[in-house]
C-alpha atoms as a PDB file:
ATOM      1  CA  UNK A   1       0.000   0.000   0.000  1.00  0.00           C
ATOM      2  CA  UNK A   2       0.964   3.638  -0.419  1.00  0.00           C
ATOM      3  CA  UNK A   3       0.596   6.459   2.104  1.00  0.00           C
ATOM      4  CA  UNK A   4       1.301  10.151   1.645  1.00  0.00           C
ATOM      5  CA  UNK A   5       2.534  12.113   4.668  1.00  0.00           C
ATOM      6  CA  UNK A   6       1.200  15.664   4.765  1.00  0.00           C
ATOM      7  CA  UNK A   7       2.713  18.322   7.028  1.00  0.00           C
ATOM      8  CA  UNK A   8      -0.165  20.648   7.970  1.00  0.00           C
ATOM      9  CA  UNK A   9       2.262  23.505   8.665  1.00  0.00           C
ATOM     10  CA  UNK A  10       3.490  23.572   5.063  1.00  0.00           C
ATOM     11  CA  UNK A  11       0.460  22.412   3.086  1.00  0.00           C
ATOM     12  CA  UNK A  12      -1.417  25.091   1.190  1.00  0.00           C
ATOM     13  CA  UNK A  13      -4.604  24.669  -0.827  1.00  0.00           C
ATOM     14  CA  UNK A  14      -2.632  24.596  -4.077  1.00  0.00           C
ATOM     15  CA  UNK A  15      -0.481  21.716  -2.786  1.00  0.00           C
ATOM     16  CA  UNK A  16      -3.513  19.748  -1.613  1.00  0.00           C
ATOM     17  CA  UNK A  17      -5.132  20.267  -5.012  1.00  0.00           C
ATOM     18  CA  UNK A  18      -1.992  19.103  -6.797  1.00  0.00           C
ATOM     19  CA  UNK A  19      -2.040  15.917  -4.741  1.00  0.00           C
ATOM     20  CA  UNK A  20      -5.750  15.095  -4.702  1.00  0.00           C
ATOM     21  CA  UNK A  21      -6.328  15.872  -8.373  1.00  0.00           C
ATOM     22  CA  UNK A  22      -3.245  13.984  -9.518  1.00  0.00           C
ATOM     23  CA  UNK A  23      -4.302  11.279 -12.028  1.00  0.00           C
ATOM     24  CA  UNK A  24      -2.794   8.536  -9.855  1.00  0.00           C
ATOM     25  CA  UNK A  25      -4.185   9.742  -6.518  1.00  0.00           C
ATOM     26  CA  UNK A  26      -6.781   6.964  -6.641  1.00  0.00           C
ATOM     27  CA  UNK A  27      -3.922   4.513  -6.012  1.00  0.00           C
ATOM     28  CA  UNK A  28      -3.057   6.152  -2.661  1.00  0.00           C
ATOM     29  CA  UNK A  29      -4.404   4.093   0.232  1.00  0.00           C
ATOM     30  CA  UNK A  30      -3.951   6.422   3.235  1.00  0.00           C
ATOM     31  CA  UNK A  31      -3.127  10.016   4.066  1.00  0.00           C
ATOM     32  CA  UNK A  32      -0.967  10.523   7.146  1.00  0.00           C
ATOM     33  CA  UNK A  33      -1.291  14.038   8.576  1.00  0.00           C
ATOM     34  CA  UNK A  34       1.122  15.484  11.115  1.00  0.00           C
ATOM     35  CA  UNK A  35       4.771  16.106  11.802  1.00  0.00           C
ATOM     36  CA  UNK A  36       7.639  16.085  14.271  1.00  0.00           C
ATOM     37  CA  UNK A  37       7.271  19.617  15.606  1.00  0.00           C
ATOM     38  CA  UNK A  38       5.393  20.125  18.865  1.00  0.00           C
ATOM     39  CA  UNK A  39       2.832  22.632  17.570  1.00  0.00           C
ATOM     40  CA  UNK A  40      -0.719  21.962  16.472  1.00  0.00           C
ATOM     41  CA  UNK A  41      -0.038  24.144  13.438  1.00  0.00           C
ATOM     42  CA  UNK A  42      -2.869  24.043  10.940  1.00  0.00           C
ATOM     43  CA  UNK A  43      -4.042  20.531  11.769  1.00  0.00           C
ATOM     44  CA  UNK A  44      -7.772  21.275  11.902  1.00  0.00           C
ATOM     45  CA  UNK A  45      -7.809  23.381   8.747  1.00  0.00           C
ATOM     46  CA  UNK A  46      -5.610  20.871   6.887  1.00  0.00           C
ATOM     47  CA  UNK A  47      -7.923  17.999   7.806  1.00  0.00           C
ATOM     48  CA  UNK A  48     -10.950  20.046   6.772  1.00  0.00           C
ATOM     49  CA  UNK A  49      -9.323  20.853   3.443  1.00  0.00           C
ATOM     50  CA  UNK A  50      -8.583  17.199   2.807  1.00  0.00           C
ATOM     51  CA  UNK A  51     -12.075  16.086   3.783  1.00  0.00           C
ATOM     52  CA  UNK A  52     -13.539  18.506   1.222  1.00  0.00           C
ATOM     53  CA  UNK A  53     -11.373  16.969  -1.461  1.00  0.00           C
ATOM     54  CA  UNK A  54     -11.256  13.233  -0.730  1.00  0.00           C
ATOM     55  CA  UNK A  55     -12.764  10.363   1.232  1.00  0.00           C
ATOM     56  CA  UNK A  56      -9.389   8.624   1.695  1.00  0.00           C
ATOM     57  CA  UNK A  57      -8.706   7.600   5.320  1.00  0.00           C
ATOM     58  CA  UNK A  58      -7.042  10.458   7.239  1.00  0.00           C
ATOM     59  CA  UNK A  59      -4.659   9.115   9.869  1.00  0.00           C
ATOM     60  CA  UNK A  60      -2.863  11.382  12.330  1.00  0.00           C
ATOM     61  CA  UNK A  61       0.917  10.988  12.509  1.00  0.00           C
ATOM     62  CA  UNK A  62       1.320  12.901  15.770  1.00  0.00           C
ATOM     63  CA  UNK A  63       4.294  15.012  16.761  1.00  0.00           C
ATOM     64  CA  UNK A  64       2.653  15.970  20.038  1.00  0.00           C
ATOM     65  CA  UNK A  65      -0.644  15.595  21.950  1.00  0.00           C
ATOM     66  CA  UNK A  66      -1.641  18.971  20.480  1.00  0.00           C
ATOM     67  CA  UNK A  67      -2.062  17.295  17.095  1.00  0.00           C
ATOM     68  CA  UNK A  68      -4.857  14.977  18.260  1.00  0.00           C
ATOM     69  CA  UNK A  69      -7.967  15.987  16.333  1.00  0.00           C
ATOM     70  CA  UNK A  70     -11.255  14.112  16.354  1.00  0.00           C
ATOM     71  CA  UNK A  71     -12.075  15.117  12.774  1.00  0.00           C
ATOM     72  CA  UNK A  72      -9.537  12.579  11.491  1.00  0.00           C
ATOM     73  CA  UNK A  73     -10.383   8.904  11.087  1.00  0.00           C
ATOM     74  CA  UNK A  74      -7.581   7.300  13.100  1.00  0.00           C
ATOM     75  CA  UNK A  75      -4.270   7.949  14.813  1.00  0.00           C
ATOM     76  CA  UNK A  76      -0.952   6.155  14.806  1.00  0.00           C
ATOM     77  CA  UNK A  77      -0.304   5.958  18.547  1.00  0.00           C
ATOM     78  CA  UNK A  78       3.464   6.104  18.194  1.00  0.00           C
ATOM     79  CA  UNK A  79       5.785   4.712  20.836  1.00  0.00           C
ATOM     80  CA  UNK A  80       9.437   5.473  20.035  1.00  0.00           C
ATOM     81  CA  UNK A  81      10.732   2.018  20.885  1.00  0.00           C
ATOM     82  CA  UNK A  82      14.145   2.553  19.269  1.00  0.00           C
ATOM     83  CA  UNK A  83      14.999   5.297  21.760  1.00  0.00           C
ATOM     84  CA  UNK A  84      15.226   5.532  25.517  1.00  0.00           C
ATOM     85  CA  UNK A  85      13.261   8.731  25.952  1.00  0.00           C
ATOM     86  CA  UNK A  86      10.624   7.765  28.527  1.00  0.00           C
ATOM     87  CA  UNK A  87       8.422  10.697  27.518  1.00  0.00           C
ATOM     88  CA  UNK A  88       8.058   9.277  24.001  1.00  0.00           C
ATOM     89  CA  UNK A  89       7.780   5.686  25.174  1.00  0.00           C
ATOM     90  CA  UNK A  90       4.848   6.277  27.570  1.00  0.00           C
ATOM     91  CA  UNK A  91       4.802   9.828  28.987  1.00  0.00           C
ATOM     92  CA  UNK A  92       2.974  11.534  26.120  1.00  0.00           C
ATOM     93  CA  UNK A  93       0.569   8.604  25.963  1.00  0.00           C
ATOM     94  CA  UNK A  94      -0.474   9.088  29.589  1.00  0.00           C
ATOM     95  CA  UNK A  95      -0.933  12.794  28.903  1.00  0.00           C
ATOM     96  CA  UNK A  96      -3.117  12.012  25.876  1.00  0.00           C
ATOM     97  CA  UNK A  97      -5.077   9.008  27.148  1.00  0.00           C
ATOM     98  CA  UNK A  98      -8.325  10.713  28.146  1.00  0.00           C
ATOM     99  CA  UNK A  99      -8.287  13.065  25.169  1.00  0.00           C
ATOM    100  CA  UNK A 100      -7.904  10.072  22.866  1.00  0.00           C
ATOM    101  CA  UNK A 101     -10.688   8.194  24.624  1.00  0.00           C
ATOM    102  CA  UNK A 102     -13.080  11.119  24.131  1.00  0.00           C
ATOM    103  CA  UNK A 103     -12.024  11.658  20.518  1.00  0.00           C
ATOM    104  CA  UNK A 104     -13.534   8.483  19.124  1.00  0.00           C
ATOM    105  CA  UNK A 105     -10.518   8.045  16.833  1.00  0.00           C
ATOM    106  CA  UNK A 106      -9.477   4.551  15.834  1.00  0.00           C
ATOM    107  CA  UNK A 107      -6.248   3.994  17.778  1.00  0.00           C
ATOM    108  CA  UNK A 108      -3.472   2.117  15.972  1.00  0.00           C
ATOM    109  CA  UNK A 109      -0.751   1.160  18.443  1.00  0.00           C
ATOM    110  CA  UNK A 110       2.514   1.602  16.542  1.00  0.00           C
ATOM    111  CA  UNK A 111       6.084   0.707  17.416  1.00  0.00           C
ATOM    112  CA  UNK A 112       8.111   3.559  15.938  1.00  0.00           C
ATOM    113  CA  UNK A 113      11.716   2.785  15.043  1.00  0.00           C
ATOM    114  CA  UNK A 114      14.003   5.623  13.991  1.00  0.00           C
ATOM    115  CA  UNK A 115      16.787   4.618  11.598  1.00  0.00           C
ATOM    116  CA  UNK A 116      19.938   6.470  10.607  1.00  0.00           C
ATOM    117  CA  UNK A 117      19.134   8.225   7.355  1.00  0.00           C
ATOM    118  CA  UNK A 118      22.533   9.842   6.885  1.00  0.00           C
ATOM    119  CA  UNK A 119      21.721  13.209   8.435  1.00  0.00           C
ATOM    120  CA  UNK A 120      20.196  14.726  11.550  1.00  0.00           C
ATOM    121  CA  UNK A 121      16.446  14.927  10.939  1.00  0.00           C
ATOM    122  CA  UNK A 122      13.764  16.872  12.779  1.00  0.00           C
ATOM    123  CA  UNK A 123      12.469  13.779  14.553  1.00  0.00           C
ATOM    124  CA  UNK A 124      15.919  12.762  15.850  1.00  0.00           C
ATOM    125  CA  UNK A 125      16.597  16.307  17.063  1.00  0.00           C
ATOM    126  CA  UNK A 126      13.206  16.819  18.703  1.00  0.00           C
ATOM    127  CA  UNK A 127      13.146  13.354  20.294  1.00  0.00           C
ATOM    128  CA  UNK A 128      16.744  13.536  21.514  1.00  0.00           C
ATOM    129  CA  UNK A 129      17.293   9.906  20.542  1.00  0.00           C
ATOM    130  CA  UNK A 130      19.992   8.094  18.593  1.00  0.00           C
ATOM    131  CA  UNK A 131      18.771   6.370  15.418  1.00  0.00           C
ATOM    132  CA  UNK A 132      19.571   2.688  14.895  1.00  0.00           C
ATOM    133  CA  UNK A 133      22.505   2.293  12.462  1.00  0.00           C
ATOM    134  CA  UNK A 134      21.524   0.775   9.139  1.00  0.00           C
ATOM    135  CA  UNK A 135      24.333  -1.778   9.374  1.00  0.00           C
ATOM    136  CA  UNK A 136      22.749  -3.222  12.550  1.00  0.00           C
ATOM    137  CA  UNK A 137      19.634  -4.973  11.160  1.00  0.00           C
ATOM    138  CA  UNK A 138      19.632  -7.389  14.096  1.00  0.00           C
ATOM    139  CA  UNK A 139      19.054  -4.519  16.526  1.00  0.00           C
ATOM    140  CA  UNK A 140      16.165  -3.205  14.452  1.00  0.00           C
ATOM    141  CA  UNK A 141      14.634  -6.684  14.172  1.00  0.00           C
ATOM    142  CA  UNK A 142      14.889  -7.363  17.907  1.00  0.00           C
ATOM    143  CA  UNK A 143      13.405  -3.940  18.662  1.00  0.00           C
ATOM    144  CA  UNK A 144      10.467  -4.598  16.346  1.00  0.00           C
ATOM    145  CA  UNK A 145       9.922  -8.044  17.848  1.00  0.00           C
ATOM    146  CA  UNK A 146       9.895  -6.588  21.356  1.00  0.00           C
ATOM    147  CA  UNK A 147       7.325  -4.021  20.238  1.00  0.00           C
ATOM    148  CA  UNK A 148       5.061  -6.760  18.908  1.00  0.00           C
ATOM    149  CA  UNK A 149       5.472  -8.751  22.110  1.00  0.00           C
ATOM    150  CA  UNK A 150       4.264  -5.653  23.947  1.00  0.00           C
ATOM    151  CA  UNK A 151       1.143  -5.707  21.797  1.00  0.00           C
ATOM    152  CA  UNK A 152       1.850  -3.093  19.163  1.00  0.00           C
ATOM    153  CA  UNK A 153      -0.241  -3.561  16.023  1.00  0.00           C
ATOM    154  CA  UNK A 154       2.115  -1.913  13.529  1.00  0.00           C
ATOM    155  CA  UNK A 155       5.847  -1.343  13.112  1.00  0.00           C
ATOM    156  CA  UNK A 156       6.992   1.915  11.519  1.00  0.00           C
ATOM    157  CA  UNK A 157      10.578   2.077  10.208  1.00  0.00           C
ATOM    158  CA  UNK A 158      11.487   5.716   9.569  1.00  0.00           C
ATOM    159  CA  UNK A 159      14.657   7.444   8.439  1.00  0.00           C
ATOM    160  CA  UNK A 160      12.979  10.783   9.060  1.00  0.00           C
ATOM    161  CA  UNK A 161      11.743  13.545   6.808  1.00  0.00           C
ATOM    162  CA  UNK A 162      14.400  14.740   4.379  1.00  0.00           C
ATOM    163  CA  UNK A 163      16.755  11.818   5.067  1.00  0.00           C
ATOM    164  CA  UNK A 164      19.639  11.275   2.662  1.00  0.00           C
ATOM    165  CA  UNK A 165      19.038   7.535   2.503  1.00  0.00           C
ATOM    166  CA  UNK A 166      16.104   5.171   2.927  1.00  0.00           C
ATOM    167  CA  UNK A 167      15.757   2.033   5.047  1.00  0.00           C
ATOM    168  CA  UNK A 168      17.975  -0.663   3.579  1.00  0.00           C
ATOM    169  CA  UNK A 169      16.251  -3.709   2.080  1.00  0.00           C
ATOM    170  CA  UNK A 170      18.423  -5.932   4.286  1.00  0.00           C
ATOM    171  CA  UNK A 171      17.168  -4.214   7.430  1.00  0.00           C
ATOM    172  CA  UNK A 172      13.544  -4.239   6.276  1.00  0.00           C
ATOM    173  CA  UNK A 173      13.746  -7.953   5.465  1.00  0.00           C
ATOM    174  CA  UNK A 174      15.291  -8.705   8.866  1.00  0.00           C
ATOM    175  CA  UNK A 175      12.417  -6.911  10.620  1.00  0.00           C
ATOM    176  CA  UNK A 176       9.758  -8.517   8.432  1.00  0.00           C
ATOM    177  CA  UNK A 177      11.222 -11.956   9.183  1.00  0.00           C
ATOM    178  CA  UNK A 178      10.678 -11.425  12.920  1.00  0.00           C
ATOM    179  CA  UNK A 179       7.223  -9.869  13.072  1.00  0.00           C
ATOM    180  CA  UNK A 180       3.761 -10.780  11.869  1.00  0.00           C
ATOM    181  CA  UNK A 181       2.228  -7.312  11.813  1.00  0.00           C
ATOM    182  CA  UNK A 182       2.205  -4.769   8.970  1.00  0.00           C
ATOM    183  CA  UNK A 183       5.501  -2.935   8.475  1.00  0.00           C
ATOM    184  CA  UNK A 184       5.392   0.721   7.408  1.00  0.00           C
ATOM    185  CA  UNK A 185       8.524   2.254   5.861  1.00  0.00           C
ATOM    186  CA  UNK A 186       9.179   5.941   5.247  1.00  0.00           C
ATOM    187  CA  UNK A 187      11.878   8.568   4.889  1.00  0.00           C
ATOM    188  CA  UNK A 188      14.446   9.121   2.166  1.00  0.00           C
ATOM    189  CA  UNK A 189      12.657   7.309  -0.675  1.00  0.00           C
ATOM    190  CA  UNK A 190      13.322   9.372  -3.803  1.00  0.00           C
ATOM    191  CA  UNK A 191      13.067   7.099  -6.849  1.00  0.00           C
ATOM    192  CA  UNK A 192      10.836   4.411  -8.317  1.00  0.00           C
ATOM    193  CA  UNK A 193      13.676   1.906  -7.959  1.00  0.00           C
ATOM    194  CA  UNK A 194      14.090   2.674  -4.273  1.00  0.00           C
ATOM    195  CA  UNK A 195      10.351   2.289  -3.682  1.00  0.00           C
ATOM    196  CA  UNK A 196      10.395  -1.065  -5.489  1.00  0.00           C
ATOM    197  CA  UNK A 197      13.339  -2.239  -3.370  1.00  0.00           C
ATOM    198  CA  UNK A 198      11.483  -1.284  -0.178  1.00  0.00           C
ATOM    199  CA  UNK A 199       8.312  -3.079  -1.274  1.00  0.00           C
ATOM    200  CA  UNK A 200      10.225  -6.196  -2.336  1.00  0.00           C
ATOM    201  CA  UNK A 201      12.070  -6.312   0.980  1.00  0.00           C
ATOM    202  CA  UNK A 202       8.751  -6.717   2.780  1.00  0.00           C
ATOM    203  CA  UNK A 203       7.268  -3.281   3.431  1.00  0.00           C
ATOM    204  CA  UNK A 204       3.479  -3.405   3.593  1.00  0.00           C
ATOM    205  CA  UNK A 205       3.100   0.379   3.367  1.00  0.00           C
ATOM    206  CA  UNK A 206       5.531   2.844   1.776  1.00  0.00           C
ATOM    207  CA  UNK A 207       5.242   6.452   2.966  1.00  0.00           C
ATOM    208  CA  UNK A 208       6.401   9.476   0.985  1.00  0.00           C
ATOM    209  CA  UNK A 209       6.178  13.107   2.022  1.00  0.00           C
ATOM    210  CA  UNK A 210       8.984  15.547   1.207  1.00  0.00           C
ATOM    211  CA  UNK A 211       9.663  14.167  -2.254  1.00  0.00           C
ATOM    212  CA  UNK A 212       6.053  14.779  -3.295  1.00  0.00           C
ATOM    213  CA  UNK A 213       6.222  18.357  -2.006  1.00  0.00           C
ATOM    214  CA  UNK A 214       9.243  18.886  -4.274  1.00  0.00           C
ATOM    215  CA  UNK A 215       7.857  16.928  -7.226  1.00  0.00           C
ATOM    216  CA  UNK A 216       4.158  15.924  -7.274  1.00  0.00           C
ATOM    217  CA  UNK A 217       4.827  13.742 -10.330  1.00  0.00           C
ATOM    218  CA  UNK A 218       6.821  11.362  -8.134  1.00  0.00           C
ATOM    219  CA  UNK A 219       3.440   9.917  -7.194  1.00  0.00           C
ATOM    220  CA  UNK A 220       3.294   8.360 -10.673  1.00  0.00           C
ATOM    221  CA  UNK A 221       6.597   6.564 -10.059  1.00  0.00           C
ATOM    222  CA  UNK A 222       5.506   5.435  -6.614  1.00  0.00           C
ATOM    223  CA  UNK A 223       2.279   3.960  -7.964  1.00  0.00           C
ATOM    224  CA  UNK A 224       4.212   2.250 -10.766  1.00  0.00           C
ATOM    225  CA  UNK A 225       6.531   0.702  -8.175  1.00  0.00           C
ATOM    226  CA  UNK A 226       3.539  -0.557  -6.207  1.00  0.00           C
ATOM    227  CA  UNK A 227       1.998  -2.024  -9.357  1.00  0.00           C
ATOM    228  CA  UNK A 228       5.228  -3.696 -10.446  1.00  0.00           C
ATOM    229  CA  UNK A 229       5.616  -5.479  -7.139  1.00  0.00           C
ATOM    230  CA  UNK A 230       1.967  -6.549  -7.034  1.00  0.00           C
ATOM    231  CA  UNK A 231       2.199  -8.146 -10.495  1.00  0.00           C
ATOM    232  CA  UNK A 232       5.637  -9.732 -10.050  1.00  0.00           C
END
């Protein structure tokens, strides 16, 4: 499946139109909305703009409890299991628990694993955590397995927005071999060939954000990669 990550702080009406009215938008499965910064930004207005344009599922990718909004369809309840920041392992979740309960959002418990993407990204800076090196697939696999044993429904492998490199196929395959839940992969994917490699390694969902902001036509390549893997 394919998901597009939309940063509400940088998404204008013209950008939403370019995405939603793209000829291959019908092949997008989910829209993730949110970001790593700790502001609520334009979350409500961004969600409203998307709802006017599409009936695709809108799933919050939260950077803070401020980004919880009941007008979305679901939320990735991210626990940063690759780091040792207690606030992002459980602290923010305690803070958000009652707000989430009242929201009526579908809650998708997600083990979030930050990988080294070759540069310091916003999420690594804000979270104050060290990404897992790409040449240590065993660490990533064991981390994902532990997350599943704790009951997490999804595993999200992320190199971070604007990363120089994407999650290596070797690492993705190692994680997929250990877990029996959907694996989401994002960050640093810039070409059709890279997307195909990620899919073939075992990713169930490929997420693209920054590259589409730079070049909306990359969606065509992403959809072609998805189709090539499905028919191979």
